[in-house]
Amino acid sequence: MMKKLLYAIVILPLFGYGQIFQENWDGSGPGITAWTLINVDGLTPASGVSYVNAAWITRDRGGATPNFGGPDGNFAAMSTSWYTPAGSANDWLISPTINLTAAPSAFLSWDAKAQDADYPDGYSLKLAPNGGNTVADFTVNLYTTTGENPIWTTRSVDISAYIGQNVRIAFVNNSNDSYVLLVDNISVTTAEVEIPVTYCASTYLFVEAISNVNFAGINNPSDPADDVNEYQDFTTVTGTVQQGQTYPITLKGNTGGNYTDYFTVYIDWNQNGTLDDAGEAYQIGSIINSTGSDAIQAAGNILVPATALLGNTRMRVVKYYDEYTTTPCTSSDDFSFGQTEDYTLTVTASPLGIDTFDDAAFSYYPNPVKNYLNLKYKDAIENVAVYNMIGQEVLRQNPGASTAQVDVTSLPTGTYIVKATIGTTVNTMKIVKQ
C-alpha cells in the first residue's frame, strides 16, 4: 500500500554553505511527512516490534528499553523485517525531490544502524534519476549491504553523475526475518564527506590483563592486576611502520594462574574500519602460567603489506583464554577471559618506493571516467586493483606493460580507490565513476 504524504516538494539548494539537502528527523529537514512511504511486502510486524506500524516510522534513539544508540530526544527513521509469520521486508522510504540542477558536485551521506548484531538488517539505497516516487522509478542502485553494523556507521556515495537533474533517493529495507534498521542524518552536500572510521566493540565476561605491548616504537606497560577494564584505549600511543617491512612484536599478560592465553593482533591496513579483512590478523603466540610481571612473553613478527594505505590506522591486541580469537569484535557468546587494547599505527612509504618512483612520469585519465581508465608510466604496470569505498576489491587487471586501459563500464557510479603496482611501489589514486 502506498501512502503518498506530499505530492511535490523541491528542496532549494543552499550552495553558499555547500548544503543541498538534509534530513535528521529532528527539525533539520522536511520531516517524515514529506517523504513517501511504500509498504510493498504488506506483512504484519511481530509483537515485539508492533510499534513499527508503517513501512518506516520515526523513533527516539534514546530511552532505556530498548536503546537505539542514543542520545535521548534524537530521532531516526526505523523499519522492521521481523514479521509474524516470518517473511522478507520490502519497505521503501522515498525522499522529497532533491534539486541538483545547479550543483557543481553532489555527495550523499547518511548514518545507519542494525539494532541486533545477531540478526542485522540489510538494505539498499536507490536513486530515481527522473525524480519519480514509485518503485519503478528507482533504476539506480547506489549502495547495498546484507547486514548493517550494530553501531551507528556513517556512509557516503558520490552522486555527482546526476548533476543537472531533479532526483529522489530511497532507503529500502529488504531483510529477511531480522529485527530493525535505523537511518539518520541524511545529507547531500557539494563537498565530499569525510567518513569517521568506527571500530567494533570487544567485551569479555572476566578480565585477565595484557601487561605489555612492544612493537614498532610502542613499548606500553599496563597494570597486570587489572581485573576491571576489559577494553583499554591506548590510541594516543603510536608506532610507525613502513610498507613492505617486517617488525618483531612481543606481548605479555596475566593468565590468572596455570592457564594458557593466546594473543591475536589485528591491523586495519586498508583503513576501512574492519579489522579482520584478509591479511589483517596475526596469531602471535601463547603464554602459560604468567603473572604478567615475569619474563614470560609471546613473540612473533608482523609483515606490513606493500599495499597498506599510508597514514594513521588502528592496531588491536586481543588476549583470549584457551584459543586464538576468530573475531576482533564482540561475538554473540562474548569473550570469556581476556582483554583488548587498541593502538595507533602510522604507515609510511617504503624508502625504495620513494627513491625509485617518478611521479612526473605517471599519469591517469580521464577522471571522472565513464568507460575506460587509462594509466601510463615509464616502467611496466604490474597490476591495477579497484576498490569501492568500503574496501572491497571490485576489479583487478594485470597489464604487465607501461600502459594500461581498465574497463570500468560495469561499475556503479560513485567514488573508487585505484591501486597501481609498479615494482615495489603501490601508487594510490581516487577516481569518480560516472
Protein backbone atom coordinates (compact mmCIF):
# COMPACT_ATOMS: atom_id res chain seq x y z
CA MET A 1 0.00 0.00 0.00
CA MET A 2 1.38 3.41 -0.92
CA LYS A 3 0.86 6.36 1.33
CA LYS A 4 1.72 9.46 -0.64
CA LEU A 5 2.38 12.04 2.00
CA LEU A 6 3.29 15.03 -0.13
CA TYR A 7 2.93 15.39 -3.87
CA ALA A 8 5.57 17.96 -4.72
CA ILE A 9 8.31 19.38 -2.59
CA VAL A 10 11.52 20.68 -4.11
CA ILE A 11 14.39 21.31 -1.74
CA LEU A 12 16.13 24.53 -2.75
CA PRO A 13 19.93 24.31 -2.85
CA LEU A 14 21.95 26.24 -0.28
CA PHE A 15 25.23 26.32 -2.14
CA GLY A 16 26.68 29.11 -0.01
CA TYR A 17 27.04 26.53 2.74
CA GLY A 18 27.59 23.52 0.46
CA GLN A 19 24.30 22.05 1.73
CA ILE A 20 21.81 20.86 -0.89
CA PHE A 21 19.52 18.66 1.22
CA GLN A 22 19.36 17.38 4.77
CA GLU A 23 17.09 15.32 6.99
CA ASN A 24 17.75 14.44 10.63
CA TRP A 25 14.13 13.80 11.70
CA ASP A 26 14.58 16.44 14.45
CA GLY A 27 13.62 19.58 12.55
CA SER A 28 16.56 19.99 10.19
CA GLY A 29 14.80 18.93 7.04
CA PRO A 30 11.23 18.49 5.83
CA GLY A 31 10.38 15.64 8.23
CA ILE A 32 8.87 12.25 7.55
CA THR A 33 5.53 13.72 6.43
CA ALA A 34 7.34 14.96 3.32
CA TRP A 35 8.70 11.50 2.49
CA THR A 36 6.81 8.83 0.56
CA LEU A 37 6.37 5.52 2.41
CA ILE A 38 5.66 2.35 0.43
CA ASN A 39 4.95 -0.95 2.19
CA VAL A 40 5.36 -3.43 -0.68
CA ASP A 41 5.52 -6.59 1.46
CA GLY A 42 2.27 -5.96 3.37
CA LEU A 43 3.43 -8.22 6.23
CA THR A 44 2.47 -7.94 9.91
CA PRO A 45 5.21 -6.89 12.38
CA ALA A 46 5.87 -9.30 15.25
CA SER A 47 4.50 -8.32 18.66
CA GLY A 48 7.96 -7.21 19.79
CA VAL A 49 8.01 -4.50 17.11
CA SER A 50 4.31 -3.80 16.78
CA TYR A 51 5.05 -0.10 17.21
CA VAL A 52 6.50 -0.13 13.66
CA ASN A 53 3.05 0.39 12.20
CA ALA A 54 4.11 1.70 8.77
CA ALA A 55 6.80 0.93 6.21
CA TRP A 56 9.00 3.39 8.11
CA ILE A 57 8.41 5.38 11.29
CA THR A 58 10.49 7.83 13.35
CA ARG A 59 11.71 6.60 16.73
CA ASP A 60 13.66 8.15 19.61
CA ARG A 61 17.22 6.78 19.53
CA GLY A 62 17.43 7.04 23.34
CA GLY A 63 15.34 5.59 26.12
CA ALA A 64 16.02 2.66 28.41
CA THR A 65 14.08 -0.13 26.67
CA PRO A 66 15.32 -0.52 24.05
CA ASN A 67 18.12 1.98 23.47
CA PHE A 68 18.80 2.57 19.79
CA GLY A 69 22.23 4.14 20.25
CA GLY A 70 21.08 7.46 21.75
CA PRO A 71 21.12 10.19 22.67
CA ASP A 72 17.69 10.79 24.18
CA GLY A 73 15.49 13.05 22.08
CA ASN A 74 17.40 12.31 18.87
CA PHE A 75 15.03 10.68 16.39
CA ALA A 76 15.82 8.33 13.49
CA ALA A 77 13.80 6.64 10.75
CA MET A 78 13.09 2.97 11.51
CA SER A 79 11.88 -0.07 9.59
CA THR A 80 11.45 -3.70 10.63
CA SER A 81 11.87 -7.09 8.97
CA TRP A 82 10.62 -9.12 11.95
CA TYR A 83 7.22 -10.40 10.93
CA THR A 84 4.60 -12.93 12.03
CA PRO A 85 4.69 -15.18 10.09
CA ALA A 86 8.30 -14.66 9.02
CA GLY A 87 8.97 -13.09 5.65
CA SER A 88 11.15 -10.70 3.68
CA ALA A 89 10.77 -6.95 4.06
CA ASN A 90 10.25 -4.68 1.09
CA ASP A 91 9.71 -1.29 2.70
CA TRP A 92 10.56 1.98 0.95
CA LEU A 93 11.48 5.38 2.40
CA ILE A 94 11.46 7.82 -0.54
CA SER A 95 12.80 11.35 -0.22
CA PRO A 96 11.24 14.54 -1.50
CA THR A 97 12.71 15.89 -4.73
CA ILE A 98 16.39 16.83 -4.39
CA ASN A 99 17.37 19.66 -6.73
CA LEU A 100 20.78 19.08 -8.35
CA THR A 101 20.13 21.35 -11.34
CA ALA A 102 22.69 23.97 -10.30
CA ALA A 103 25.00 21.90 -8.11
CA PRO A 104 28.72 21.85 -9.02
CA SER A 105 29.03 18.41 -7.37
CA ALA A 106 26.94 16.25 -5.06
CA PHE A 107 27.80 13.80 -2.30
CA LEU A 108 25.20 11.88 -0.30
CA SER A 109 25.93 10.74 3.26
CA TRP A 110 23.87 9.08 5.99
CA ASP A 111 24.13 7.25 9.30
CA ALA A 112 22.71 3.75 9.69
CA LYS A 113 22.48 1.04 12.34
CA ALA A 114 21.13 -2.50 12.64
CA GLN A 115 19.83 -2.92 16.18
CA ASP A 116 20.66 -6.62 16.61
CA ALA A 117 24.20 -7.82 15.82
CA ASP A 118 22.98 -11.42 15.54
CA TYR A 119 20.11 -10.54 13.18
CA PRO A 120 21.37 -7.47 11.30
CA ASP A 121 19.03 -5.83 8.83
CA GLY A 122 20.39 -5.10 5.37
CA TYR A 123 19.14 -2.56 2.87
CA SER A 124 19.63 -0.90 -0.49
CA LEU A 125 19.94 2.80 -1.25
CA LYS A 126 18.47 3.66 -4.64
CA LEU A 127 18.10 6.75 -6.82
CA ALA A 128 15.37 7.83 -9.24
CA PRO A 129 17.10 9.90 -11.95
CA ASN A 130 13.72 11.03 -13.31
CA GLY A 131 12.60 12.36 -9.92
CA GLY A 132 9.69 9.93 -9.69
CA ASN A 133 8.40 8.44 -6.45
CA THR A 134 7.18 4.99 -7.47
CA VAL A 135 9.21 1.80 -7.05
CA ALA A 136 9.70 1.51 -10.81
CA ASP A 137 11.36 4.94 -10.96
CA PHE A 138 14.35 3.84 -8.87
CA THR A 139 16.59 2.40 -11.57
CA VAL A 140 19.95 3.23 -9.97
CA ASN A 141 21.39 1.27 -7.04
CA LEU A 142 23.79 3.45 -5.04
CA TYR A 143 24.63 1.13 -2.13
CA THR A 144 23.70 -2.32 -0.80
CA THR A 145 24.58 -4.27 2.33
CA THR A 146 23.22 -7.60 3.55
CA GLY A 147 23.71 -6.55 7.18
CA GLU A 148 24.43 -3.10 8.61
CA ASN A 149 26.79 -2.62 11.56
CA PRO A 150 25.31 -2.84 15.09
CA ILE A 151 26.77 0.59 15.90
CA TRP A 152 25.94 3.86 14.18
CA THR A 153 28.01 3.99 10.98
CA THR A 154 28.42 6.91 8.56
CA ARG A 155 28.41 6.09 4.85
CA SER A 156 28.80 8.21 1.72
CA VAL A 157 28.34 7.91 -2.04
CA ASP A 158 29.13 10.30 -4.88
CA ILE A 159 26.03 11.28 -6.87
CA SER A 160 27.74 13.94 -9.00
CA ALA A 161 26.82 11.93 -12.10
CA TYR A 162 23.25 13.24 -11.67
CA ILE A 163 24.10 16.95 -11.58
CA GLY A 164 21.60 18.93 -13.66
CA GLN A 165 18.65 16.75 -12.62
CA ASN A 166 15.91 16.64 -10.00
CA VAL A 167 16.26 13.27 -8.28
CA ARG A 168 14.92 11.29 -5.35
CA ILE A 169 16.63 8.72 -3.15
CA ALA A 170 15.07 5.71 -1.40
CA PHE A 171 16.16 3.52 1.50
CA VAL A 172 14.76 0.01 1.03
CA ASN A 173 14.72 -2.49 3.90
CA ASN A 174 14.97 -5.84 2.08
CA SER A 175 15.95 -8.10 5.01
CA ASN A 176 14.50 -11.50 5.82
CA ASP A 177 13.33 -12.18 9.38
CA SER A 178 15.83 -9.92 11.16
CA TYR A 179 14.97 -7.09 13.57
CA VAL A 180 15.03 -3.33 12.94
CA LEU A 181 17.02 -0.93 10.76
CA LEU A 182 17.61 2.74 11.61
CA VAL A 183 18.67 5.61 9.32
CA ASP A 184 19.56 9.16 10.37
CA ASN A 185 21.41 12.35 9.40
CA ILE A 186 20.82 12.15 5.65
CA SER A 187 22.68 14.90 3.81
CA VAL A 188 23.54 15.95 0.27
CA THR A 189 26.40 18.45 0.02
CA THR A 190 28.66 19.89 -2.64
CA ALA A 191 31.77 18.70 -0.76
CA GLU A 192 32.72 15.08 -0.17
CA VAL A 193 32.09 13.98 3.39
CA GLU A 194 34.98 12.73 5.48
CA ILE A 195 33.75 9.43 6.91
CA PRO A 196 34.83 8.83 10.51
CA VAL A 197 36.13 5.28 10.90
CA THR A 198 34.31 3.45 13.70
CA TYR A 199 35.64 0.18 15.10
CA CYS A 200 33.67 -2.61 16.73
CA ALA A 201 33.45 -3.18 20.47
CA SER A 202 35.24 -6.01 22.26
CA THR A 203 33.94 -7.45 25.54
CA TYR A 204 34.70 -10.27 27.99
CA LEU A 205 32.95 -11.98 30.87
CA PHE A 206 36.11 -11.79 33.02
CA VAL A 207 39.19 -9.59 32.66
CA GLU A 208 42.73 -11.01 32.50
CA ALA A 209 45.09 -8.18 31.74
CA ILE A 210 47.57 -7.51 28.96
CA SER A 211 50.64 -6.11 30.74
CA ASN A 212 52.97 -5.04 27.92
CA VAL A 213 52.90 -4.40 24.17
CA ASN A 214 56.22 -3.84 22.39
CA PHE A 215 56.02 -3.17 18.65
CA ALA A 216 57.35 -0.63 16.13
CA GLY A 217 58.18 2.06 18.67
CA ILE A 218 55.34 1.18 21.03
CA ASN A 219 56.51 -0.02 24.45
CA ASN A 220 53.46 0.21 26.66
CA PRO A 221 53.33 -1.44 30.09
CA SER A 222 49.98 -1.61 31.86
CA ASP A 223 48.65 -2.98 35.15
CA PRO A 224 48.95 -6.81 35.20
CA ALA A 225 46.46 -6.97 38.08
CA ASP A 226 43.73 -5.06 36.22
CA ASP A 227 40.54 -7.12 36.52
CA VAL A 228 38.09 -4.31 35.64
CA ASN A 229 38.92 -2.83 32.23
CA GLU A 230 38.00 -5.33 29.53
CA TYR A 231 38.97 -2.75 26.89
CA GLN A 232 41.86 -0.27 27.04
CA ASP A 233 42.01 2.68 24.64
CA PHE A 234 45.69 3.43 24.01
CA THR A 235 45.12 5.08 20.62
CA THR A 236 47.18 8.08 21.76
CA VAL A 237 50.17 5.69 21.82
CA THR A 238 51.59 5.49 18.30
CA GLY A 239 54.01 3.22 16.46
CA THR A 240 55.48 3.77 13.00
CA VAL A 241 55.90 1.15 10.25
CA GLN A 242 56.89 1.16 6.57
CA GLN A 243 55.17 -0.57 3.69
CA GLY A 244 56.74 -3.97 2.90
CA GLN A 245 58.84 -4.18 6.08
CA THR A 246 58.79 -6.82 8.87
CA TYR A 247 58.75 -5.89 12.57
CA PRO A 248 59.13 -8.03 15.71
CA ILE A 249 56.43 -7.92 18.37
CA THR A 250 56.43 -9.12 21.99
CA LEU A 251 53.37 -9.33 24.24
CA LYS A 252 52.92 -10.05 27.94
CA GLY A 253 49.93 -10.63 30.20
CA ASN A 254 48.40 -12.21 33.28
CA THR A 255 46.92 -15.68 32.74
CA GLY A 256 45.22 -15.82 36.17
CA GLY A 257 47.07 -18.96 37.20
CA ASN A 258 48.31 -22.05 35.41
CA TYR A 259 46.32 -21.39 32.26
CA THR A 260 47.13 -20.65 28.62
CA ASP A 261 46.23 -17.37 26.92
CA TYR A 262 46.62 -16.61 23.21
CA PHE A 263 47.46 -13.29 21.56
CA THR A 264 45.99 -12.15 18.24
CA VAL A 265 46.86 -8.80 16.66
CA TYR A 266 44.56 -7.11 14.13
CA ILE A 267 45.69 -4.16 11.98
CA ASP A 268 43.38 -2.23 9.65
CA TRP A 269 45.81 -1.92 6.74
CA ASN A 270 43.15 -0.72 4.26
CA GLN A 271 41.68 1.75 6.80
CA ASN A 272 38.07 0.72 6.13
CA GLY A 273 37.00 0.28 9.76
CA THR A 274 37.09 -3.54 9.59
CA LEU A 275 39.92 -5.24 11.48
CA ASP A 276 39.74 -8.76 10.10
CA ASP A 277 39.91 -8.41 6.33
CA ALA A 278 42.25 -10.85 4.58
CA GLY A 279 45.84 -10.29 5.71
CA GLU A 280 44.92 -8.18 8.75
CA ALA A 281 45.03 -10.81 11.54
CA TYR A 282 48.25 -12.16 13.11
CA GLN A 283 48.41 -15.07 15.58
CA ILE A 284 51.43 -14.10 17.68
CA GLY A 285 51.65 -16.93 20.20
CA SER A 286 50.62 -18.03 23.69
CA ILE A 287 51.74 -17.66 27.31
CA ILE A 288 51.28 -20.14 30.17
CA ASN A 289 51.11 -19.55 33.94
CA SER A 290 52.22 -15.92 33.84
CA THR A 291 51.64 -13.14 36.36
CA GLY A 292 52.20 -10.53 33.68
CA SER A 293 55.16 -9.18 35.66
CA ASP A 294 57.54 -12.06 34.96
CA ALA A 295 59.69 -12.70 31.87
CA ILE A 296 57.11 -14.87 30.07
CA GLN A 297 56.08 -13.39 26.74
CA ALA A 298 54.66 -14.25 23.32
CA ALA A 299 56.80 -13.20 20.38
CA GLY A 300 56.36 -13.06 16.63
CA ASN A 301 56.79 -10.95 13.53
CA ILE A 302 54.39 -8.77 11.55
CA LEU A 303 54.89 -8.10 7.84
CA VAL A 304 53.42 -4.79 6.69
CA PRO A 305 51.75 -5.30 3.29
CA ALA A 306 53.26 -3.31 0.44
CA THR A 307 49.69 -2.21 -0.32
CA ALA A 308 48.96 -0.85 3.19
CA LEU A 309 47.42 2.61 2.96
CA LEU A 310 49.62 5.45 4.17
CA GLY A 311 48.69 7.39 7.29
CA ASN A 312 47.25 6.53 10.68
CA THR A 313 45.33 3.33 11.29
CA ARG A 314 44.16 1.09 14.14
CA MET A 315 46.03 -1.83 15.73
CA ARG A 316 44.13 -4.08 18.13
CA VAL A 317 45.79 -6.55 20.53
CA VAL A 318 43.47 -9.27 21.82
CA LYS A 319 44.38 -11.71 24.62
CA TYR A 320 41.99 -14.63 24.97
CA TYR A 321 41.93 -17.71 27.16
CA ASP A 322 42.44 -21.21 25.69
CA GLU A 323 42.47 -20.37 21.96
CA TYR A 324 43.06 -17.73 19.32
CA THR A 325 40.16 -15.41 18.66
CA THR A 326 38.32 -15.61 15.36
CA THR A 327 36.96 -12.07 15.58
CA PRO A 328 38.27 -8.73 16.88
CA CYS A 329 34.71 -7.82 17.88
CA THR A 330 32.12 -8.86 20.40
CA SER A 331 30.62 -12.21 19.40
CA SER A 332 27.20 -13.48 20.36
CA ASP A 333 28.86 -15.51 23.16
CA ASP A 334 31.29 -12.71 24.18
CA PHE A 335 34.92 -13.43 25.03
CA SER A 336 35.33 -15.31 28.30
CA PHE A 337 38.69 -14.41 29.91
CA GLY A 338 41.00 -11.78 28.46
CA GLN A 339 41.48 -8.15 27.50
CA THR A 340 41.68 -5.93 24.40
CA GLU A 341 43.95 -2.93 23.80
CA ASP A 342 43.83 -0.53 20.83
CA TYR A 343 46.78 1.47 19.47
CA THR A 344 47.52 3.77 16.53
CA LEU A 345 50.00 2.87 13.79
CA THR A 346 51.39 5.36 11.30
CA VAL A 347 52.14 3.69 7.95
CA THR A 348 54.85 5.37 5.87
CA ALA A 349 56.04 4.68 2.33
CA SER A 350 58.82 2.22 1.62
CA PRO A 351 62.15 4.07 1.15
CA LEU A 352 62.73 2.06 -2.03
CA GLY A 353 59.39 3.24 -3.40
CA ILE A 354 60.23 6.86 -2.64
CA ASP A 355 63.65 6.65 -4.28
CA THR A 356 62.60 4.91 -7.49
CA PHE A 357 59.10 6.13 -8.34
CA ASP A 358 58.92 9.13 -10.67
CA ASP A 359 55.65 10.97 -10.02
CA ALA A 360 56.10 13.14 -13.09
CA ALA A 361 56.23 10.06 -15.34
CA PHE A 362 52.94 8.63 -14.06
CA SER A 363 49.54 9.69 -15.39
CA TYR A 364 45.93 8.50 -15.32
CA TYR A 365 42.92 9.86 -17.15
CA PRO A 366 40.09 10.72 -17.53
CA ASN A 367 38.77 11.50 -14.07
CA PRO A 368 35.77 11.42 -13.74
CA VAL A 369 35.57 8.36 -16.00
CA LYS A 370 32.63 6.69 -17.74
CA ASN A 371 34.10 3.70 -19.59
CA TYR A 372 37.89 3.30 -19.68
CA LEU A 373 40.53 4.49 -17.23
CA ASN A 374 43.96 4.92 -18.85
CA LEU A 375 47.20 4.62 -16.87
CA LYS A 376 50.72 5.30 -18.13
CA TYR A 377 54.23 5.04 -16.65
CA LYS A 378 57.78 4.71 -17.94
CA ASP A 379 58.07 1.18 -16.45
CA ALA A 380 55.70 -1.79 -16.51
CA ILE A 381 52.47 -1.50 -14.52
CA GLU A 382 52.23 -4.97 -12.99
CA ASN A 383 48.65 -4.86 -11.74
CA VAL A 384 45.77 -2.46 -11.19
CA ALA A 385 43.14 -3.05 -8.48
CA VAL A 386 39.95 -1.05 -7.96
CA TYR A 387 38.24 -0.85 -4.55
CA ASN A 388 34.89 0.61 -3.50
CA MET A 389 34.68 2.97 -0.54
CA ILE A 390 34.04 0.17 1.96
CA GLY A 391 37.31 -1.53 0.99
CA GLN A 392 36.00 -4.32 -1.24
CA GLU A 393 38.05 -5.15 -4.34
CA VAL A 394 35.69 -4.85 -7.31
CA LEU A 395 38.08 -5.10 -10.26
CA ARG A 396 41.64 -6.31 -10.96
CA GLN A 397 43.78 -6.30 -14.09
CA ASN A 398 47.39 -7.39 -14.71
CA PRO A 399 48.63 -5.38 -17.71
CA GLY A 400 52.39 -6.04 -17.39
CA ALA A 401 53.07 -3.09 -19.69
CA SER A 402 53.82 0.62 -19.39
CA THR A 403 50.26 1.47 -20.42
CA ALA A 404 47.00 0.06 -19.10
CA GLN A 405 43.37 0.55 -20.04
CA VAL A 406 40.93 -0.53 -17.34
CA ASP A 407 37.31 -1.09 -18.33
CA VAL A 408 35.14 0.35 -15.54
CA THR A 409 31.94 0.45 -17.58
CA SER A 410 30.18 -2.13 -15.41
CA LEU A 411 30.90 -0.37 -12.11
CA PRO A 412 28.09 1.59 -10.43
CA THR A 413 28.50 5.34 -10.27
CA GLY A 414 30.47 6.57 -7.28
CA THR A 415 33.95 7.08 -5.86
CA TYR A 416 36.62 4.35 -6.02
CA ILE A 417 40.21 3.83 -4.91
CA VAL A 418 42.62 2.58 -7.60
CA LYS A 419 45.96 0.98 -6.69
CA ALA A 420 48.58 0.52 -9.40
CA THR A 421 51.55 -1.71 -8.52
CA ILE A 422 54.82 -0.77 -10.24
CA GLY A 423 57.80 -2.73 -8.96
CA THR A 424 57.89 -2.27 -5.18
CA THR A 425 55.69 0.82 -5.32
CA VAL A 426 51.91 0.94 -4.99
CA ASN A 427 50.52 4.20 -6.34
CA THR A 428 47.07 5.03 -4.94
CA MET A 429 44.54 7.38 -6.55
CA LYS A 430 40.87 8.26 -6.16
CA ILE A 431 38.55 8.27 -9.18
CA VAL A 432 34.91 9.15 -9.78
CA LYS A 433 32.90 6.73 -11.94
CA GLN A 434 30.11 8.47 -13.86
